[in-house]
Structure formats: C-alpha cells, structure tokens
N, C-alpha and C. Protein backbone atom coordinates (compact mmCIF):
# COMPACT_ATOMS: atom_id res chain seq x y z
N MET A 1 0.31 -9.08 -3.19
CA MET A 1 -0.07 -8.86 -1.97
C MET A 1 -1.40 -9.14 -1.60
N ASN A 2 -1.80 -9.97 -0.36
CA ASN A 2 -3.05 -10.33 -0.28
C ASN A 2 -3.64 -9.09 0.81
N LEU A 3 -4.99 -9.01 0.53
CA LEU A 3 -5.69 -7.98 1.86
C LEU A 3 -5.06 -8.33 2.78
N ALA A 4 -4.97 -9.21 4.03
CA ALA A 4 -4.54 -9.43 5.31
C ALA A 4 -3.24 -8.79 5.64
N ARG A 5 -2.14 -8.81 4.39
CA ARG A 5 -1.00 -8.65 4.65
C ARG A 5 -0.98 -7.00 4.57
N ALA A 6 -1.64 -6.38 3.75
CA ALA A 6 -1.41 -5.17 3.45
C ALA A 6 -2.01 -4.52 4.59
N GLN A 7 -3.33 -4.85 5.25
CA GLN A 7 -4.06 -4.74 7.05
C GLN A 7 -2.76 -4.56 7.69
N GLN A 8 -1.86 -5.77 7.79
CA GLN A 8 -0.50 -5.70 8.52
C GLN A 8 -0.15 -4.44 8.66
N ILE A 9 0.37 -4.67 7.45
CA ILE A 9 1.23 -3.45 7.04
C ILE A 9 0.96 -1.90 7.42
N LEU A 10 -0.42 -1.72 7.10
CA LEU A 10 -0.90 -0.52 7.52
C LEU A 10 -0.93 -0.10 9.10
N ASN A 11 -0.92 -1.06 9.78
CA ASN A 11 -0.90 -0.96 11.26
C ASN A 11 -0.08 -1.32 11.81
N ALA A 12 1.49 -1.90 11.04
CA ALA A 12 2.56 -1.73 11.99
C ALA A 12 2.88 -0.49 12.59
N ASP A 13 3.87 -0.47 13.49
CA ASP A 13 4.59 0.82 13.91
C ASP A 13 5.51 0.89 13.04
N GLU A 14 6.30 0.17 12.83
CA GLU A 14 7.75 0.24 11.85
C GLU A 14 7.23 0.40 10.69
N LYS A 15 8.12 1.22 9.82
CA LYS A 15 7.97 1.10 8.14
C LYS A 15 8.29 -0.20 7.70
N ILE A 16 7.60 -0.62 6.88
CA ILE A 16 7.60 -2.03 5.89
C ILE A 16 7.22 -1.38 4.45
N ASP A 17 8.80 -1.52 4.01
CA ASP A 17 8.72 -1.05 2.29
C ASP A 17 7.61 -1.58 1.60
N VAL A 18 7.02 -1.07 0.52
CA VAL A 18 6.09 -1.53 -0.11
C VAL A 18 6.35 -0.58 -1.47
N GLU A 19 6.10 -1.51 -2.79
CA GLU A 19 6.06 -1.07 -3.93
C GLU A 19 5.11 -1.30 -4.99
N LEU A 20 4.75 -0.36 -5.71
CA LEU A 20 3.88 -0.60 -6.80
C LEU A 20 4.72 -0.17 -7.85
N ASN A 21 4.55 -1.01 -8.73
CA ASN A 21 5.22 -1.09 -10.50
C ASN A 21 6.71 -0.74 -10.17
N GLY A 22 7.09 -1.03 -8.93
CA GLY A 22 8.82 -0.47 -8.85
C GLY A 22 8.83 0.73 -8.10
N VAL A 23 7.69 1.61 -7.59
CA VAL A 23 7.61 2.71 -7.04
C VAL A 23 7.55 2.56 -5.55
N SER A 24 8.51 3.07 -4.57
CA SER A 24 7.78 2.99 -3.14
C SER A 24 6.55 4.09 -3.23
N VAL A 25 5.98 3.00 -2.36
CA VAL A 25 4.67 4.00 -1.59
C VAL A 25 4.18 3.72 -0.27
N TRP A 26 3.12 4.31 0.04
CA TRP A 26 2.46 4.27 1.47
C TRP A 26 1.16 4.01 1.30
N ILE A 27 0.90 2.83 2.23
CA ILE A 27 -0.51 2.69 1.97
C ILE A 27 -1.08 3.40 3.24
N ASP A 28 -2.55 4.65 2.42
CA ASP A 28 -2.93 5.50 3.66
C ASP A 28 -4.25 4.62 4.29
N SER A 29 -5.18 3.68 2.88
CA SER A 29 -6.03 3.03 3.65
C SER A 29 -6.47 2.35 3.07
N ILE A 30 -7.19 1.26 3.03
CA ILE A 30 -7.47 -0.21 2.84
C ILE A 30 -9.40 -0.24 2.36
N ASP A 31 -9.58 -0.51 1.41
CA ASP A 31 -11.16 -0.59 1.45
C ASP A 31 -11.14 -2.29 0.82
N ALA A 32 -11.49 -3.22 2.43
CA ALA A 32 -11.50 -4.34 2.29
C ALA A 32 -12.73 -4.98 1.41
N GLU A 33 -13.73 -4.13 1.34
CA GLU A 33 -14.99 -4.49 0.40
C GLU A 33 -14.30 -5.00 -1.10
N GLU A 34 -13.85 -3.50 -1.68
CA GLU A 34 -13.46 -3.81 -2.69
C GLU A 34 -11.98 -4.04 -3.27
N LYS A 35 -11.43 -4.55 -1.95
CA LYS A 35 -10.12 -4.92 -2.14
C LYS A 35 -8.80 -3.86 -2.95
N THR A 36 -8.57 -2.75 -2.26
CA THR A 36 -8.37 -1.98 -2.89
C THR A 36 -7.44 -1.09 -1.94
N ALA A 37 -6.32 -0.37 -2.28
CA ALA A 37 -5.95 0.10 -1.32
C ALA A 37 -5.17 1.87 -1.69
N LYS A 38 -5.27 2.92 -0.81
CA LYS A 38 -5.25 4.22 -1.21
C LYS A 38 -3.82 4.33 -1.10
N VAL A 39 -3.14 4.71 -2.05
CA VAL A 39 -1.66 4.92 -1.82
C VAL A 39 -0.88 6.18 -2.44
N HIS A 40 0.04 6.72 -1.69
CA HIS A 40 0.80 7.92 -2.63
C HIS A 40 2.33 7.46 -2.74
N ALA A 41 2.91 7.80 -3.25
CA ALA A 41 4.27 7.86 -3.78
C ALA A 41 5.13 8.40 -2.47
N GLU A 42 6.23 7.95 -2.01
CA GLU A 42 6.58 7.81 -0.64
C GLU A 42 7.10 9.28 -0.69
N HIS A 43 7.40 10.33 -1.77
CA HIS A 43 7.90 11.60 -2.07
C HIS A 43 6.67 12.34 -2.24
N GLN A 44 6.01 12.10 -2.37
CA GLN A 44 4.60 12.73 -3.08
C GLN A 44 3.27 12.36 -2.42
N PRO A 45 3.19 12.83 -0.79
CA PRO A 45 2.21 12.73 -0.33
C PRO A 45 0.80 13.34 -1.18
N ALA A 46 0.95 14.43 -1.83
CA ALA A 46 -0.28 14.67 -2.85
C ALA A 46 -0.78 13.83 -3.31
N ASP A 47 0.45 13.01 -3.97
CA ASP A 47 -0.11 11.73 -5.57
C ASP A 47 -0.74 10.58 -4.70
N THR A 48 -2.11 10.65 -4.55
CA THR A 48 -2.86 9.69 -4.13
C THR A 48 -3.45 8.82 -5.49
N ARG A 49 -3.60 7.18 -5.33
CA ARG A 49 -4.02 6.37 -6.25
C ARG A 49 -4.82 5.70 -5.10
N VAL A 50 -5.85 4.84 -6.07
CA VAL A 50 -6.54 3.60 -5.72
C VAL A 50 -6.10 2.43 -6.51
N VAL A 51 -5.84 1.56 -6.01
CA VAL A 51 -5.11 0.49 -6.73
C VAL A 51 -5.36 -0.85 -5.98
N PRO A 52 -5.80 -1.48 -7.00
CA PRO A 52 -5.86 -3.12 -6.53
C PRO A 52 -4.90 -3.83 -5.29
N VAL A 53 -5.12 -3.98 -4.07
CA VAL A 53 -4.20 -4.39 -3.27
C VAL A 53 -2.89 -5.75 -3.98
N GLU A 54 -3.53 -6.52 -4.76
CA GLU A 54 -2.54 -7.16 -5.24
C GLU A 54 -1.65 -6.67 -6.44
N GLU A 55 -2.14 -5.46 -6.65
CA GLU A 55 -0.75 -4.84 -7.24
C GLU A 55 0.26 -4.59 -6.71
N LEU A 56 0.36 -4.63 -5.15
CA LEU A 56 1.05 -3.94 -4.11
C LEU A 56 2.11 -4.98 -4.01
N GLU A 57 3.14 -4.55 -3.71
CA GLU A 57 4.57 -5.69 -3.20
C GLU A 57 5.21 -5.70 -2.05
N GLU A 58 5.32 -6.30 -1.63
CA GLU A 58 6.35 -5.94 -0.10
C GLU A 58 7.64 -6.26 -0.48
N VAL A 59 8.70 -4.74 -0.27
CA VAL A 59 10.09 -5.01 -0.36
C VAL A 59 10.90 -5.74 0.82
N LYS A 60 11.55 -6.90 0.41
CA LYS A 60 12.34 -7.99 1.66
C LYS A 60 13.63 -8.07 1.62
C-alpha cells in the first residue's frame, strides 16, 4: 500500500479492511517521514506494531 492510501484509510469514516500478512489490522497512526504505520490486530488492541506502510494490503 502506498502512503497516501494508508492516510485515506486512516481518515475514512467507514471501515476499510486492511491486512498485514493475512491478519486483519487497524491503522492507528502514520509516520509520513518514516513511511511507517502503527497498527494493531483487529481483536487485540493492546498488540500494536510499527510496520512499513508498503507491507499493508487493502482487502477488496
């Protein structure tokens, strides 16, 4: 995923499905300078990770 699309998903009013390595995640924040996103597994909000935005996939 590119940085602009990740930012759109973060700011969207509706839920847009995103996966990291086949696991559904929520984007919590984005660091545009580092091109990373802080994410957590959909059903595990305490399990946060910082990953490169390019590793995220939008589920269509």
